[in-house]
Amino acid sequence: MAARHYAPSTPLRLLAKGSDLSSLTPGTAYVAFGSLPPLPPGVRGLSLPLDPEAAGARLYALLHDLDAADCTL
């Protein structure tokens, strides 16, 4: 089997829990584990399961979705 590596083209930035989200701009996607906080207008909210194994299985599909949606940082 040939080795494969996926490198997302959508930039990612990590935010600490409780960060001020008001600076997020339309076209940005916000990914959270579990429930989503209130988000500014035009910000796409995506949730990953709290279970690490399930979150890992969903993560790469989510990154592909963000690339296809042409999200910004």
C-alpha atoms as a PDB file:
ATOM      1  CA  MET A   1       0.000   0.000   0.000  1.00  0.00           C
ATOM      2  CA  ALA A   2       1.317   3.447  -0.913  1.00  0.00           C
ATOM      3  CA  ALA A   3       1.834   5.918   1.925  1.00  0.00           C
ATOM      4  CA  ARG A   4      -0.650   8.792   1.966  1.00  0.00           C
ATOM      5  CA  HIS A   5      -0.492  12.086   3.745  1.00  0.00           C
ATOM      6  CA  TYR A   6      -3.227  14.703   3.916  1.00  0.00           C
ATOM      7  CA  ALA A   7      -2.206  18.305   4.442  1.00  0.00           C
ATOM      8  CA  PRO A   8      -5.191  20.635   4.800  1.00  0.00           C
ATOM      9  CA  SER A   9      -4.999  23.888   2.871  1.00  0.00           C
ATOM     10  CA  THR A  10      -7.339  25.720   5.259  1.00  0.00           C
ATOM     11  CA  PRO A  11      -5.326  27.555   7.944  1.00  0.00           C
ATOM     12  CA  LEU A  12      -6.039  26.533  11.527  1.00  0.00           C
ATOM     13  CA  ARG A  13      -5.614  28.464  14.753  1.00  0.00           C
ATOM     14  CA  LEU A  14      -6.012  26.987  18.237  1.00  0.00           C
ATOM     15  CA  LEU A  15      -7.989  28.982  20.778  1.00  0.00           C
ATOM     16  CA  ALA A  16      -7.976  28.412  24.513  1.00  0.00           C
ATOM     17  CA  LYS A  17     -11.233  27.419  26.144  1.00  0.00           C
ATOM     18  CA  GLY A  18     -13.125  30.573  27.084  1.00  0.00           C
ATOM     19  CA  SER A  19     -11.411  32.734  24.425  1.00  0.00           C
ATOM     20  CA  ASP A  20     -13.185  35.846  23.173  1.00  0.00           C
ATOM     21  CA  LEU A  21     -14.814  34.751  19.920  1.00  0.00           C
ATOM     22  CA  SER A  22     -16.031  38.199  18.892  1.00  0.00           C
ATOM     23  CA  SER A  23     -12.950  38.688  16.680  1.00  0.00           C
ATOM     24  CA  LEU A  24     -13.926  35.758  14.432  1.00  0.00           C
ATOM     25  CA  THR A  25     -14.968  37.042  11.027  1.00  0.00           C
ATOM     26  CA  PRO A  26     -17.581  35.807   8.530  1.00  0.00           C
ATOM     27  CA  GLY A  27     -16.211  32.918   6.485  1.00  0.00           C
ATOM     28  CA  THR A  28     -14.340  31.536   9.492  1.00  0.00           C
ATOM     29  CA  ALA A  29     -15.142  28.092  10.846  1.00  0.00           C
ATOM     30  CA  TYR A  30     -15.043  27.351  14.576  1.00  0.00           C
ATOM     31  CA  VAL A  31     -14.539  23.731  15.617  1.00  0.00           C
ATOM     32  CA  ALA A  32     -15.305  22.641  19.171  1.00  0.00           C
ATOM     33  CA  PHE A  33     -15.368  19.421  21.131  1.00  0.00           C
ATOM     34  CA  GLY A  34     -18.936  18.874  22.302  1.00  0.00           C
ATOM     35  CA  SER A  35     -21.388  21.759  22.259  1.00  0.00           C
ATOM     36  CA  LEU A  36     -20.765  25.025  20.435  1.00  0.00           C
ATOM     37  CA  PRO A  37     -20.731  28.417  22.176  1.00  0.00           C
ATOM     38  CA  PRO A  38     -22.648  31.362  20.685  1.00  0.00           C
ATOM     39  CA  LEU A  39     -20.775  32.473  17.554  1.00  0.00           C
ATOM     40  CA  PRO A  40     -20.653  35.772  15.667  1.00  0.00           C
ATOM     41  CA  PRO A  41     -22.829  36.053  12.528  1.00  0.00           C
ATOM     42  CA  GLY A  42     -21.350  34.338   9.456  1.00  0.00           C
ATOM     43  CA  VAL A  43     -19.081  32.023  11.480  1.00  0.00           C
ATOM     44  CA  ARG A  44     -19.618  28.347  10.701  1.00  0.00           C
ATOM     45  CA  GLY A  45     -19.779  26.168  13.821  1.00  0.00           C
ATOM     46  CA  LEU A  46     -18.712  22.521  13.694  1.00  0.00           C
ATOM     47  CA  SER A  47     -18.694  20.102  16.592  1.00  0.00           C
ATOM     48  CA  LEU A  48     -16.520  17.052  17.239  1.00  0.00           C
ATOM     49  CA  PRO A  49     -17.599  14.281  19.633  1.00  0.00           C
ATOM     50  CA  LEU A  50     -16.153  14.358  23.153  1.00  0.00           C
ATOM     51  CA  ASP A  51     -14.979  10.749  22.795  1.00  0.00           C
ATOM     52  CA  PRO A  52     -11.341  10.936  21.546  1.00  0.00           C
ATOM     53  CA  GLU A  53     -11.628   7.888  19.279  1.00  0.00           C
ATOM     54  CA  ALA A  54     -14.809   9.175  17.639  1.00  0.00           C
ATOM     55  CA  ALA A  55     -13.345  12.694  17.350  1.00  0.00           C
ATOM     56  CA  GLY A  56     -10.232  11.326  15.638  1.00  0.00           C
ATOM     57  CA  ALA A  57     -12.340   9.392  13.163  1.00  0.00           C
ATOM     58  CA  ARG A  58     -14.331  12.536  12.318  1.00  0.00           C
ATOM     59  CA  LEU A  59     -11.415  14.996  12.281  1.00  0.00           C
ATOM     60  CA  TYR A  60     -10.043  14.306   8.791  1.00  0.00           C
ATOM     61  CA  ALA A  61     -13.488  14.360   7.208  1.00  0.00           C
ATOM     62  CA  LEU A  62     -14.075  17.711   8.916  1.00  0.00           C
ATOM     63  CA  LEU A  63     -10.766  19.091   7.572  1.00  0.00           C
ATOM     64  CA  HIS A  64     -11.743  18.011   4.046  1.00  0.00           C
ATOM     65  CA  ASP A  65     -15.133  19.732   4.530  1.00  0.00           C
ATOM     66  CA  LEU A  66     -13.408  22.970   5.575  1.00  0.00           C
ATOM     67  CA  ASP A  67     -11.131  22.858   2.525  1.00  0.00           C
ATOM     68  CA  ALA A  68     -14.128  22.305   0.241  1.00  0.00           C
ATOM     69  CA  ALA A  69     -16.011  25.203   1.893  1.00  0.00           C
ATOM     70  CA  ASP A  70     -13.056  27.548   1.278  1.00  0.00           C
ATOM     71  CA  CYS A  71     -13.046  28.763   4.882  1.00  0.00           C
ATOM     72  CA  THR A  72     -10.641  31.466   6.019  1.00  0.00           C
ATOM     73  CA  LEU A  73      -8.663  32.124   9.177  1.00  0.00           C
END
